[in-house]
PDB file of N, CA and C in Angstrom:
ATOM      1  N   MET A   1      -5.757   0.554  12.810  1.00  0.00           N
ATOM      2  CA  MET A   1      -6.512  -0.281  11.888  1.00  0.00           C
ATOM      3  C   MET A   1      -5.625  -1.485  11.529  1.00  0.00           C
ATOM      4  N   ASP A   2      -6.170  -2.682  11.670  1.00  0.00           N
ATOM      5  CA  ASP A   2      -5.388  -3.860  11.313  1.00  0.00           C
ATOM      6  C   ASP A   2      -5.389  -4.048   9.788  1.00  0.00           C
ATOM      7  N   THR A   3      -4.591  -4.998   9.324  1.00  0.00           N
ATOM      8  CA  THR A   3      -4.432  -5.170   7.870  1.00  0.00           C
ATOM      9  C   THR A   3      -5.712  -5.628   7.182  1.00  0.00           C
ATOM     10  N   GLU A   4      -6.555  -6.373   7.880  1.00  0.00           N
ATOM     11  CA  GLU A   4      -7.831  -6.800   7.284  1.00  0.00           C
ATOM     12  C   GLU A   4      -8.751  -5.610   7.064  1.00  0.00           C
ATOM     13  N   GLU A   5      -8.826  -4.750   8.057  1.00  0.00           N
ATOM     14  CA  GLU A   5      -9.643  -3.545   7.914  1.00  0.00           C
ATOM     15  C   GLU A   5      -9.087  -2.649   6.805  1.00  0.00           C
ATOM     16  N   TYR A   6      -7.770  -2.558   6.729  1.00  0.00           N
ATOM     17  CA  TYR A   6      -7.112  -1.736   5.721  1.00  0.00           C
ATOM     18  C   TYR A   6      -7.398  -2.279   4.317  1.00  0.00           C
ATOM     19  N   ARG A   7      -7.301  -3.591   4.159  1.00  0.00           N
ATOM     20  CA  ARG A   7      -7.586  -4.227   2.865  1.00  0.00           C
ATOM     21  C   ARG A   7      -9.030  -3.948   2.457  1.00  0.00           C
ATOM     22  N   LYS A   8      -9.953  -4.101   3.388  1.00  0.00           N
ATOM     23  CA  LYS A   8     -11.367  -3.856   3.097  1.00  0.00           C
ATOM     24  C   LYS A   8     -11.612  -2.395   2.749  1.00  0.00           C
ATOM     25  N   LYS A   9     -10.914  -1.491   3.430  1.00  0.00           N
ATOM     26  CA  LYS A   9     -11.040  -0.064   3.141  1.00  0.00           C
ATOM     27  C   LYS A   9     -10.605   0.222   1.695  1.00  0.00           C
ATOM     28  N   ILE A  10      -9.520  -0.376   1.277  1.00  0.00           N
ATOM     29  CA  ILE A  10      -9.036  -0.195  -0.092  1.00  0.00           C
ATOM     30  C   ILE A  10     -10.059  -0.742  -1.089  1.00  0.00           C
ATOM     31  N   GLU A  11     -10.589  -1.917  -0.811  1.00  0.00           N
ATOM     32  CA  GLU A  11     -11.607  -2.496  -1.692  1.00  0.00           C
ATOM     33  C   GLU A  11     -12.825  -1.582  -1.791  1.00  0.00           C
ATOM     34  N   GLU A  12     -13.228  -0.994  -0.671  1.00  0.00           N
ATOM     35  CA  GLU A  12     -14.368  -0.078  -0.677  1.00  0.00           C
ATOM     36  C   GLU A  12     -14.067   1.177  -1.499  1.00  0.00           C
ATOM     37  N   GLU A  13     -12.855   1.677  -1.404  1.00  0.00           N
ATOM     38  CA  GLU A  13     -12.469   2.854  -2.188  1.00  0.00           C
ATOM     39  C   GLU A  13     -12.505   2.545  -3.686  1.00  0.00           C
ATOM     40  N   VAL A  14     -12.052   1.359  -4.053  1.00  0.00           N
ATOM     41  CA  VAL A  14     -12.109   0.943  -5.462  1.00  0.00           C
ATOM     42  C   VAL A  14     -13.563   0.855  -5.907  1.00  0.00           C
ATOM     43  N   LEU A  15     -14.392   0.267  -5.080  1.00  0.00           N
ATOM     44  CA  LEU A  15     -15.817   0.152  -5.402  1.00  0.00           C
ATOM     45  C   LEU A  15     -16.460   1.526  -5.590  1.00  0.00           C
ATOM     46  N   GLU A  16     -16.104   2.473  -4.737  1.00  0.00           N
ATOM     47  CA  GLU A  16     -16.633   3.832  -4.864  1.00  0.00           C
ATOM     48  C   GLU A  16     -16.211   4.475  -6.186  1.00  0.00           C
ATOM     49  N   ILE A  17     -14.976   4.247  -6.600  1.00  0.00           N
ATOM     50  CA  ILE A  17     -14.498   4.779  -7.883  1.00  0.00           C
ATOM     51  C   ILE A  17     -15.274   4.151  -9.030  1.00  0.00           C
ATOM     52  N   ILE A  18     -15.426   2.834  -8.984  1.00  0.00           N
ATOM     53  CA  ILE A  18     -16.170   2.136 -10.037  1.00  0.00           C
ATOM     54  C   ILE A  18     -17.599   2.669 -10.106  1.00  0.00           C
ATOM     55  N   GLU A  19     -18.243   2.764  -8.962  1.00  0.00           N
ATOM     56  CA  GLU A  19     -19.626   3.239  -8.922  1.00  0.00           C
ATOM     57  C   GLU A  19     -19.747   4.653  -9.497  1.00  0.00           C
ATOM     58  N   ALA A  20     -18.853   5.540  -9.096  1.00  0.00           N
ATOM     59  CA  ALA A  20     -18.902   6.918  -9.591  1.00  0.00           C
ATOM     60  C   ALA A  20     -18.680   6.971 -11.101  1.00  0.00           C
ATOM     61  N   LYS A  21     -17.733   6.189 -11.590  1.00  0.00           N
ATOM     62  CA  LYS A  21     -17.444   6.181 -13.033  1.00  0.00           C
ATOM     63  C   LYS A  21     -18.621   5.601 -13.825  1.00  0.00           C
ATOM     64  N   LEU A  22     -19.265   4.593 -13.279  1.00  0.00           N
ATOM     65  CA  LEU A  22     -20.438   4.018 -13.947  1.00  0.00           C
ATOM     66  C   LEU A  22     -21.584   5.034 -14.000  1.00  0.00           C
ATOM     67  N   ILE A  23     -21.823   5.695 -12.878  1.00  0.00           N
ATOM     68  CA  ILE A  23     -22.904   6.686 -12.818  1.00  0.00           C
ATOM     69  C   ILE A  23     -22.634   7.841 -13.778  1.00  0.00           C
ATOM     70  N   GLU A  24     -21.389   8.266 -13.854  1.00  0.00           N
ATOM     71  CA  GLU A  24     -21.024   9.391 -14.717  1.00  0.00           C
ATOM     72  C   GLU A  24     -20.914   8.985 -16.191  1.00  0.00           C
ATOM     73  N   GLY A  25     -21.031   7.690 -16.471  1.00  0.00           N
ATOM     74  CA  GLY A  25     -20.916   7.207 -17.838  1.00  0.00           C
ATOM     75  C   GLY A  25     -19.486   7.181 -18.346  1.00  0.00           C
ATOM     76  N   GLU A  26     -18.517   7.215 -17.429  1.00  0.00           N
ATOM     77  CA  GLU A  26     -17.100   7.209 -17.793  1.00  0.00           C
ATOM     78  C   GLU A  26     -16.512   5.800 -17.823  1.00  0.00           C
ATOM     79  N   MET A  27     -17.351   4.814 -17.524  1.00  0.00           N
ATOM     80  CA  MET A  27     -16.903   3.423 -17.498  1.00  0.00           C
ATOM     81  C   MET A  27     -18.080   2.543 -17.873  1.00  0.00           C
ATOM     82  N   ASN A  28     -17.779   1.474 -18.632  1.00  0.00           N
ATOM     83  CA  ASN A  28     -18.846   0.533 -18.949  1.00  0.00           C
ATOM     84  C   ASN A  28     -18.792  -0.653 -17.987  1.00  0.00           C
ATOM     85  N   ALA A  29     -19.808  -1.479 -18.029  1.00  0.00           N
ATOM     86  CA  ALA A  29     -19.927  -2.609 -17.098  1.00  0.00           C
ATOM     87  C   ALA A  29     -18.780  -3.607 -17.263  1.00  0.00           C
ATOM     88  N   GLN A  30     -18.326  -3.821 -18.490  1.00  0.00           N
ATOM     89  CA  GLN A  30     -17.225  -4.757 -18.732  1.00  0.00           C
ATOM     90  C   GLN A  30     -15.956  -4.283 -18.027  1.00  0.00           C
ATOM     91  N   ARG A  31     -15.641  -3.006 -18.156  1.00  0.00           N
ATOM     92  CA  ARG A  31     -14.451  -2.440 -17.506  1.00  0.00           C
ATOM     93  C   ARG A  31     -14.592  -2.540 -15.984  1.00  0.00           C
ATOM     94  N   ALA A  32     -15.758  -2.271 -15.481  1.00  0.00           N
ATOM     95  CA  ALA A  32     -16.006  -2.366 -14.043  1.00  0.00           C
ATOM     96  C   ALA A  32     -15.751  -3.787 -13.545  1.00  0.00           C
ATOM     97  N   ARG A  33     -16.226  -4.778 -14.305  1.00  0.00           N
ATOM     98  CA  ARG A  33     -15.999  -6.187 -13.935  1.00  0.00           C
ATOM     99  C   ARG A  33     -14.513  -6.526 -13.956  1.00  0.00           C
ATOM    100  N   GLU A  34     -13.797  -6.035 -14.974  1.00  0.00           N
ATOM    101  CA  GLU A  34     -12.355  -6.299 -15.076  1.00  0.00           C
ATOM    102  C   GLU A  34     -11.607  -5.740 -13.866  1.00  0.00           C
ATOM    103  N   ILE A  35     -11.946  -4.513 -13.506  1.00  0.00           N
ATOM    104  CA  ILE A  35     -11.289  -3.887 -12.354  1.00  0.00           C
ATOM    105  C   ILE A  35     -11.617  -4.651 -11.075  1.00  0.00           C
ATOM    106  N   ALA A  36     -12.889  -4.939 -10.874  1.00  0.00           N
ATOM    107  CA  ALA A  36     -13.303  -5.652  -9.660  1.00  0.00           C
ATOM    108  C   ALA A  36     -12.620  -7.013  -9.560  1.00  0.00           C
ATOM    109  N   ARG A  37     -12.578  -7.729 -10.656  1.00  0.00           N
ATOM    110  CA  ARG A  37     -11.941  -9.051 -10.669  1.00  0.00           C
ATOM    111  C   ARG A  37     -10.447  -8.933 -10.332  1.00  0.00           C
ATOM    112  N   TYR A  38      -9.784  -7.973 -10.946  1.00  0.00           N
ATOM    113  CA  TYR A  38      -8.350  -7.794 -10.709  1.00  0.00           C
ATOM    114  C   TYR A  38      -8.073  -7.466  -9.242  1.00  0.00           C
ATOM    115  N   VAL A  39      -8.850  -6.550  -8.692  1.00  0.00           N
ATOM    116  CA  VAL A  39      -8.644  -6.153  -7.301  1.00  0.00           C
ATOM    117  C   VAL A  39      -8.901  -7.317  -6.361  1.00  0.00           C
ATOM    118  N   LEU A  40      -9.968  -8.044  -6.601  1.00  0.00           N
ATOM    119  CA  LEU A  40     -10.277  -9.188  -5.728  1.00  0.00           C
ATOM    120  C   LEU A  40      -9.240 -10.302  -5.853  1.00  0.00           C
ATOM    121  N   GLU A  41      -8.662 -10.467  -7.034  1.00  0.00           N
ATOM    122  CA  GLU A  41      -7.604 -11.475  -7.209  1.00  0.00           C
ATOM    123  C   GLU A  41      -6.280 -11.017  -6.599  1.00  0.00           C
ATOM    124  N   SER A  42      -6.084  -9.702  -6.518  1.00  0.00           N
ATOM    125  CA  SER A  42      -4.826  -9.159  -6.005  1.00  0.00           C
ATOM    126  C   SER A  42      -4.792  -9.056  -4.481  1.00  0.00           C
ATOM    127  N   LEU A  43      -5.913  -8.695  -3.890  1.00  0.00           N
ATOM    128  CA  LEU A  43      -5.991  -8.536  -2.440  1.00  0.00           C
ATOM    129  C   LEU A  43      -6.664  -9.757  -1.831  1.00  0.00           C
ATOM    130  N   HIS A  44      -5.980 -10.364  -0.890  1.00  0.00           N
ATOM    131  CA  HIS A  44      -6.484 -11.582  -0.256  1.00  0.00           C
ATOM    132  C   HIS A  44      -6.637 -11.356   1.240  1.00  0.00           C
ATOM    133  N   PRO A  45      -7.524 -12.082   1.878  1.00  0.00           N
ATOM    134  CA  PRO A  45      -7.622 -11.995   3.338  1.00  0.00           C
ATOM    135  C   PRO A  45      -6.287 -12.353   3.995  1.00  0.00           C
ATOM    136  N   HIS A  46      -6.019 -11.697   5.087  1.00  0.00           N
ATOM    137  CA  HIS A  46      -4.852 -11.960   5.935  1.00  0.00           C
ATOM    138  C   HIS A  46      -3.519 -11.611   5.287  1.00  0.00           C
ATOM    139  N   MET A  47      -3.513 -10.674   4.345  1.00  0.00           N
ATOM    140  CA  MET A  47      -2.256 -10.196   3.768  1.00  0.00           C
ATOM    141  C   MET A  47      -1.567  -9.295   4.786  1.00  0.00           C
ATOM    142  N   ASN A  48      -0.235  -9.279   4.750  1.00  0.00           N
ATOM    143  CA  ASN A  48       0.475  -8.327   5.601  1.00  0.00           C
ATOM    144  C   ASN A  48       0.579  -6.993   4.863  1.00  0.00           C
ATOM    145  N   LEU A  49       1.076  -5.987   5.547  1.00  0.00           N
ATOM    146  CA  LEU A  49       1.148  -4.646   4.983  1.00  0.00           C
ATOM    147  C   LEU A  49       1.996  -4.605   3.714  1.00  0.00           C
ATOM    148  N   ASP A  50       3.119  -5.309   3.710  1.00  0.00           N
ATOM    149  CA  ASP A  50       3.960  -5.351   2.515  1.00  0.00           C
ATOM    150  C   ASP A  50       3.204  -5.944   1.327  1.00  0.00           C
ATOM    151  N   GLY A  51       2.476  -7.016   1.562  1.00  0.00           N
ATOM    152  CA  GLY A  51       1.711  -7.655   0.489  1.00  0.00           C
ATOM    153  C   GLY A  51       0.633  -6.742  -0.065  1.00  0.00           C
ATOM    154  N   ILE A  52      -0.054  -6.039   0.824  1.00  0.00           N
ATOM    155  CA  ILE A  52      -1.086  -5.098   0.385  1.00  0.00           C
ATOM    156  C   ILE A  52      -0.454  -3.999  -0.456  1.00  0.00           C
ATOM    157  N   TYR A  53       0.637  -3.451   0.042  1.00  0.00           N
ATOM    158  CA  TYR A  53       1.331  -2.376  -0.673  1.00  0.00           C
ATOM    159  C   TYR A  53       1.747  -2.837  -2.070  1.00  0.00           C
ATOM    160  N   LYS A  54       2.372  -3.991  -2.155  1.00  0.00           N
ATOM    161  CA  LYS A  54       2.831  -4.494  -3.462  1.00  0.00           C
ATOM    162  C   LYS A  54       1.660  -4.730  -4.414  1.00  0.00           C
ATOM    163  N   ALA A  55       0.578  -5.264  -3.907  1.00  0.00           N
ATOM    164  CA  ALA A  55      -0.595  -5.515  -4.749  1.00  0.00           C
ATOM    165  C   ALA A  55      -1.188  -4.206  -5.258  1.00  0.00           C
ATOM    166  N   VAL A  56      -1.358  -3.260  -4.368  1.00  0.00           N
ATOM    167  CA  VAL A  56      -1.987  -1.991  -4.743  1.00  0.00           C
ATOM    168  C   VAL A  56      -1.117  -1.222  -5.743  1.00  0.00           C
ATOM    169  N   GLN A  57       0.198  -1.358  -5.629  1.00  0.00           N
ATOM    170  CA  GLN A  57       1.094  -0.648  -6.548  1.00  0.00           C
ATOM    171  C   GLN A  57       0.891  -1.056  -8.003  1.00  0.00           C
ATOM    172  N   THR A  58       0.294  -2.207  -8.229  1.00  0.00           N
ATOM    173  CA  THR A  58       0.060  -2.654  -9.612  1.00  0.00           C
ATOM    174  C   THR A  58      -1.282  -2.192 -10.168  1.00  0.00           C
ATOM    175  N   PHE A  59      -2.146  -1.683  -9.318  1.00  0.00           N
ATOM    176  CA  PHE A  59      -3.503  -1.318  -9.764  1.00  0.00           C
ATOM    177  C   PHE A  59      -3.483  -0.319 -10.910  1.00  0.00           C
ATOM    178  N   ASP A  60      -2.725   0.760 -10.751  1.00  0.00           N
ATOM    179  CA  ASP A  60      -2.748   1.781 -11.797  1.00  0.00           C
ATOM    180  C   ASP A  60      -1.912   1.408 -13.011  1.00  0.00           C
ATOM    181  N   ASP A  61      -1.117   0.354 -12.912  1.00  0.00           N
ATOM    182  CA  ASP A  61      -0.419  -0.160 -14.097  1.00  0.00           C
ATOM    183  C   ASP A  61      -1.425  -0.712 -15.093  1.00  0.00           C
ATOM    184  N   HIS A  62      -2.492  -1.289 -14.574  1.00  0.00           N
ATOM    185  CA  HIS A  62      -3.517  -1.913 -15.404  1.00  0.00           C
ATOM    186  C   HIS A  62      -4.755  -1.038 -15.586  1.00  0.00           C
ATOM    187  N   PHE A  63      -5.046  -0.227 -14.562  1.00  0.00           N
ATOM    188  CA  PHE A  63      -6.273   0.564 -14.563  1.00  0.00           C
ATOM    189  C   PHE A  63      -5.972   1.972 -14.059  1.00  0.00           C
ATOM    190  N   GLY A  64      -5.802   2.901 -14.979  1.00  0.00           N
ATOM    191  CA  GLY A  64      -5.492   4.280 -14.625  1.00  0.00           C
ATOM    192  C   GLY A  64      -6.511   4.917 -13.701  1.00  0.00           C
ATOM    193  N   GLU A  65      -7.731   4.410 -13.731  1.00  0.00           N
ATOM    194  CA  GLU A  65      -8.789   4.948 -12.876  1.00  0.00           C
ATOM    195  C   GLU A  65      -8.461   4.790 -11.390  1.00  0.00           C
ATOM    196  N   LEU A  66      -7.571   3.881 -11.062  1.00  0.00           N
ATOM    197  CA  LEU A  66      -7.311   3.557  -9.660  1.00  0.00           C
ATOM    198  C   LEU A  66      -6.133   4.318  -9.055  1.00  0.00           C
ATOM    199  N   VAL A  67      -5.586   5.273  -9.790  1.00  0.00           N
ATOM    200  CA  VAL A  67      -4.473   6.059  -9.248  1.00  0.00           C
ATOM    201  C   VAL A  67      -4.870   6.757  -7.950  1.00  0.00           C
ATOM    202  N   ALA A  68      -6.141   7.110  -7.811  1.00  0.00           N
ATOM    203  CA  ALA A  68      -6.622   7.761  -6.586  1.00  0.00           C
ATOM    204  C   ALA A  68      -6.555   6.836  -5.373  1.00  0.00           C
ATOM    205  N   VAL A  69      -6.456   5.552  -5.600  1.00  0.00           N
ATOM    206  CA  VAL A  69      -6.293   4.590  -4.508  1.00  0.00           C
ATOM    207  C   VAL A  69      -4.804   4.329  -4.270  1.00  0.00           C
ATOM    208  N   VAL A  70      -4.037   4.246  -5.330  1.00  0.00           N
ATOM    209  CA  VAL A  70      -2.625   3.876  -5.246  1.00  0.00           C
ATOM    210  C   VAL A  70      -1.801   4.924  -4.505  1.00  0.00           C
ATOM    211  N   VAL A  71      -1.975   6.174  -4.835  1.00  0.00           N
ATOM    212  CA  VAL A  71      -1.138   7.231  -4.260  1.00  0.00           C
ATOM    213  C   VAL A  71      -1.276   7.316  -2.733  1.00  0.00           C
ATOM    214  N   PRO A  72      -2.488   7.352  -2.180  1.00  0.00           N
ATOM    215  CA  PRO A  72      -2.579   7.398  -0.713  1.00  0.00           C
ATOM    216  C   PRO A  72      -1.991   6.152  -0.029  1.00  0.00           C
ATOM    217  N   VAL A  73      -2.165   4.991  -0.630  1.00  0.00           N
ATOM    218  CA  VAL A  73      -1.601   3.765  -0.038  1.00  0.00           C
ATOM    219  C   VAL A  73      -0.079   3.852  -0.034  1.00  0.00           C
ATOM    220  N   ALA A  74       0.497   4.301  -1.136  1.00  0.00           N
ATOM    221  CA  ALA A  74       1.952   4.445  -1.214  1.00  0.00           C
ATOM    222  C   ALA A  74       2.453   5.440  -0.163  1.00  0.00           C
ATOM    223  N   ASN A  75       1.757   6.557  -0.030  1.00  0.00           N
ATOM    224  CA  ASN A  75       2.160   7.571   0.953  1.00  0.00           C
ATOM    225  C   ASN A  75       2.048   7.039   2.377  1.00  0.00           C
ATOM    226  N   GLU A  76       0.957   6.349   2.683  1.00  0.00           N
ATOM    227  CA  GLU A  76       0.772   5.783   4.023  1.00  0.00           C
ATOM    228  C   GLU A  76       1.846   4.745   4.327  1.00  0.00           C
ATOM    229  N   TYR A  77       2.162   3.911   3.346  1.00  0.00           N
ATOM    230  CA  TYR A  77       3.180   2.877   3.532  1.00  0.00           C
ATOM    231  C   TYR A  77       4.542   3.516   3.795  1.00  0.00           C
ATOM    232  N   GLU A  78       4.899   4.502   2.990  1.00  0.00           N
ATOM    233  CA  GLU A  78       6.190   5.164   3.160  1.00  0.00           C
ATOM    234  C   GLU A  78       6.269   5.879   4.500  1.00  0.00           C
ATOM    235  N   ASN A  79       5.180   6.489   4.925  1.00  0.00           N
ATOM    236  CA  ASN A  79       5.159   7.135   6.240  1.00  0.00           C
ATOM    237  C   ASN A  79       5.318   6.115   7.358  1.00  0.00           C
ATOM    238  N   HIS A  80       4.685   4.962   7.206  1.00  0.00           N
ATOM    239  CA  HIS A  80       4.802   3.901   8.204  1.00  0.00           C
ATOM    240  C   HIS A  80       6.258   3.407   8.278  1.00  0.00           C
ATOM    241  N   ILE A  81       6.859   3.172   7.117  1.00  0.00           N
ATOM    242  CA  ILE A  81       8.262   2.728   7.079  1.00  0.00           C
ATOM    243  C   ILE A  81       9.153   3.778   7.739  1.00  0.00           C
ATOM    244  N   ARG A  82       8.928   5.043   7.395  1.00  0.00           N
ATOM    245  CA  ARG A  82       9.730   6.133   7.959  1.00  0.00           C
ATOM    246  C   ARG A  82       9.636   6.143   9.485  1.00  0.00           C
ATOM    247  N   LYS A  83       8.439   5.953  10.005  1.00  0.00           N
ATOM    248  CA  LYS A  83       8.230   5.964  11.457  1.00  0.00           C
ATOM    249  C   LYS A  83       8.956   4.776  12.115  1.00  0.00           C
ATOM    250  N   VAL A  84       8.808   3.604  11.527  1.00  0.00           N
ATOM    251  CA  VAL A  84       9.457   2.408  12.075  1.00  0.00           C
ATOM    252  C   VAL A  84      10.977   2.567  12.057  1.00  0.00           C
ATOM    253  N   VAL A  85      11.519   3.026  10.937  1.00  0.00           N
ATOM    254  CA  VAL A  85      12.973   3.188  10.806  1.00  0.00           C
ATOM    255  C   VAL A  85      13.473   4.239  11.793  1.00  0.00           C
ATOM    256  N   THR A  86      12.781   5.355  11.887  1.00  0.00           N
ATOM    257  CA  THR A  86      13.197   6.419  12.803  1.00  0.00           C
ATOM    258  C   THR A  86      13.242   5.926  14.240  1.00  0.00           C
ATOM    259  N   THR A  87      12.225   5.183  14.641  1.00  0.00           N
ATOM    260  CA  THR A  87      12.182   4.635  15.996  1.00  0.00           C
ATOM    261  C   THR A  87      13.358   3.699  16.245  1.00  0.00           C
ATOM    262  N   HIS A  88      13.606   2.796  15.297  1.00  0.00           N
ATOM    263  CA  HIS A  88      14.695   1.836  15.475  1.00  0.00           C
ATOM    264  C   HIS A  88      16.066   2.507  15.430  1.00  0.00           C
ATOM    265  N   VAL A  89      16.245   3.436  14.527  1.00  0.00           N
ATOM    266  CA  VAL A  89      17.530   4.133  14.436  1.00  0.00           C
ATOM    267  C   VAL A  89      17.792   4.914  15.719  1.00  0.00           C
ATOM    268  N   SER A  90      16.774   5.581  16.228  1.00  0.00           N
ATOM    269  CA  SER A  90      16.931   6.326  17.482  1.00  0.00           C
ATOM    270  C   SER A  90      17.365   5.400  18.616  1.00  0.00           C
ATOM    271  N   GLN A  91      16.730   4.246  18.690  1.00  0.00           N
ATOM    272  CA  GLN A  91      17.090   3.282  19.737  1.00  0.00           C
ATOM    273  C   GLN A  91      18.525   2.780  19.560  1.00  0.00           C
ATOM    274  N   LEU A  92      18.902   2.479  18.329  1.00  0.00           N
ATOM    275  CA  LEU A  92      20.273   2.013  18.075  1.00  0.00           C
ATOM    276  C   LEU A  92      21.305   3.080  18.436  1.00  0.00           C
ATOM    277  N   ILE A  93      21.004   4.327  18.127  1.00  0.00           N
ATOM    278  CA  ILE A  93      21.929   5.408  18.471  1.00  0.00           C
ATOM    279  C   ILE A  93      22.043   5.554  19.981  1.00  0.00           C
ATOM    280  N   LYS A  94      20.926   5.456  20.702  1.00  0.00           N
ATOM    281  CA  LYS A  94      20.962   5.515  22.161  1.00  0.00           C
ATOM    282  C   LYS A  94      21.819   4.400  22.736  1.00  0.00           C
ATOM    283  N   GLU A  95      21.804   3.247  22.049  1.00  0.00           N
ATOM    284  CA  GLU A  95      22.597   2.097  22.485  1.00  0.00           C
ATOM    285  C   GLU A  95      24.024   2.160  21.944  1.00  0.00           C
ATOM    286  N   LYS A  96      24.361   3.278  21.269  1.00  0.00           N
ATOM    287  CA  LYS A  96      25.685   3.505  20.683  1.00  0.00           C
ATOM    288  C   LYS A  96      26.051   2.462  19.625  1.00  0.00           C
ATOM    289  N   LYS A  97      25.029   1.982  18.919  1.00  0.00           N
ATOM    290  CA  LYS A  97      25.233   1.024  17.829  1.00  0.00           C
ATOM    291  C   LYS A  97      25.138   1.778  16.501  1.00  0.00           C
ATOM    292  N   ILE A  98      26.113   2.639  16.293  1.00  0.00           N
ATOM    293  CA  ILE A  98      26.112   3.549  15.148  1.00  0.00           C
ATOM    294  C   ILE A  98      26.194   2.792  13.825  1.00  0.00           C
ATOM    295  N   ASN A  99      27.015   1.767  13.741  1.00  0.00           N
ATOM    296  CA  ASN A  99      27.136   0.999  12.499  1.00  0.00           C
ATOM    297  C   ASN A  99      25.819   0.329  12.122  1.00  0.00           C
ATOM    298  N   GLU A 100      25.133  -0.225  13.102  1.00  0.00           N
ATOM    299  CA  GLU A 100      23.840  -0.857  12.845  1.00  0.00           C
ATOM    300  C   GLU A 100      22.803   0.177  12.412  1.00  0.00           C
ATOM    301  N   ALA A 101      22.835   1.339  13.050  1.00  0.00           N
ATOM    302  CA  ALA A 101      21.903   2.417  12.684  1.00  0.00           C
ATOM    303  C   ALA A 101      22.168   2.860  11.251  1.00  0.00           C
ATOM    304  N   ASN A 102      23.430   2.993  10.891  1.00  0.00           N
ATOM    305  CA  ASN A 102      23.810   3.394   9.535  1.00  0.00           C
ATOM    306  C   ASN A 102      23.364   2.346   8.511  1.00  0.00           C
ATOM    307  N   LYS A 103      23.538   1.082   8.855  1.00  0.00           N
ATOM    308  CA  LYS A 103      23.117  -0.005   7.962  1.00  0.00           C
ATOM    309  C   LYS A 103      21.599   0.017   7.760  1.00  0.00           C
ATOM    310  N   LEU A 104      20.861   0.216   8.836  1.00  0.00           N
ATOM    311  CA  LEU A 104      19.402   0.285   8.752  1.00  0.00           C
ATOM    312  C   LEU A 104      18.961   1.457   7.880  1.00  0.00           C
ATOM    313  N   LEU A 105      19.596   2.610   8.052  1.00  0.00           N
ATOM    314  CA  LEU A 105      19.277   3.771   7.220  1.00  0.00           C
ATOM    315  C   LEU A 105      19.585   3.503   5.750  1.00  0.00           C
ATOM    316  N   SER A 106      20.682   2.833   5.489  1.00  0.00           N
ATOM    317  CA  SER A 106      21.031   2.491   4.102  1.00  0.00           C
ATOM    318  C   SER A 106      19.984   1.581   3.478  1.00  0.00           C
ATOM    319  N   HIS A 107      19.530   0.600   4.246  1.00  0.00           N
ATOM    320  CA  HIS A 107      18.477  -0.294   3.756  1.00  0.00           C
ATOM    321  C   HIS A 107      17.184   0.477   3.492  1.00  0.00           C
ATOM    322  N   ALA A 108      16.872   1.409   4.369  1.00  0.00           N
ATOM    323  CA  ALA A 108      15.658   2.208   4.189  1.00  0.00           C
ATOM    324  C   ALA A 108      15.755   3.059   2.927  1.00  0.00           C
ATOM    325  N   ILE A 109      16.900   3.664   2.706  1.00  0.00           N
ATOM    326  CA  ILE A 109      17.097   4.496   1.517  1.00  0.00           C
ATOM    327  C   ILE A 109      16.981   3.649   0.254  1.00  0.00           C
ATOM    328  N   ASP A 110      17.503   2.423   0.302  1.00  0.00           N
ATOM    329  CA  ASP A 110      17.447   1.523  -0.850  1.00  0.00           C
ATOM    330  C   ASP A 110      16.114   0.785  -0.953  1.00  0.00           C
ATOM    331  N   LYS A 111      15.186   1.121  -0.051  1.00  0.00           N
ATOM    332  CA  LYS A 111      13.852   0.508  -0.014  1.00  0.00           C
ATOM    333  C   LYS A 111      13.909  -1.009   0.155  1.00  0.00           C
ATOM    334  N   LYS A 112      14.825  -1.453   1.008  1.00  0.00           N
ATOM    335  CA  LYS A 112      14.964  -2.879   1.314  1.00  0.00           C
ATOM    336  C   LYS A 112      14.303  -3.234   2.643  1.00  0.00           C
ATOM    337  N   ILE A 113      13.573  -2.295   3.201  1.00  0.00           N
ATOM    338  CA  ILE A 113      12.910  -2.515   4.490  1.00  0.00           C
ATOM    339  C   ILE A 113      11.509  -3.049   4.234  1.00  0.00           C
ATOM    340  N   LYS A 114      11.131  -4.064   4.994  1.00  0.00           N
ATOM    341  CA  LYS A 114       9.786  -4.619   4.923  1.00  0.00           C
ATOM    342  C   LYS A 114       9.214  -4.622   6.344  1.00  0.00           C
ATOM    343  N   VAL A 115       7.905  -4.478   6.418  1.00  0.00           N
ATOM    344  CA  VAL A 115       7.242  -4.526   7.725  1.00  0.00           C
ATOM    345  C   VAL A 115       6.263  -5.676   7.740  1.00  0.00           C
ATOM    346  N   ALA A 116       6.062  -6.227   8.910  1.00  0.00           N
ATOM    347  CA  ALA A 116       5.170  -7.385   9.008  1.00  0.00           C
ATOM    348  C   ALA A 116       3.729  -6.986   9.263  1.00  0.00           C
ATOM    349  N   GLY A 117       3.502  -5.948  10.039  1.00  0.00           N
ATOM    350  CA  GLY A 117       2.163  -5.620  10.482  1.00  0.00           C
ATOM    351  C   GLY A 117       1.307  -4.878   9.550  1.00  0.00           C
TER     352      GLY A 117
END
């Protein structure tokens, strides 16, 4: 799934939460508008994965209802980073570039790794 499809999927999940909360009477129309506006202002077309991740991480800071969206995105992002780092570290070790592999692992542990895709 490319980043545009991923962004749209997240927006749809937020919409589903809003709709369910409205139907259940757990949210009023004003709150629904606030959430929708915030999400649409935070997620933009053609964002990269890092941008999407950073935007989504703020959702539950403002709207506790959106924790169900934030947690899976965070988990997917961390799994993606783990896969990318593991692949690169394995390649560096095969090339006997142990210092570079160690540096990459340190950056990953310190969460200084960013992905473009």
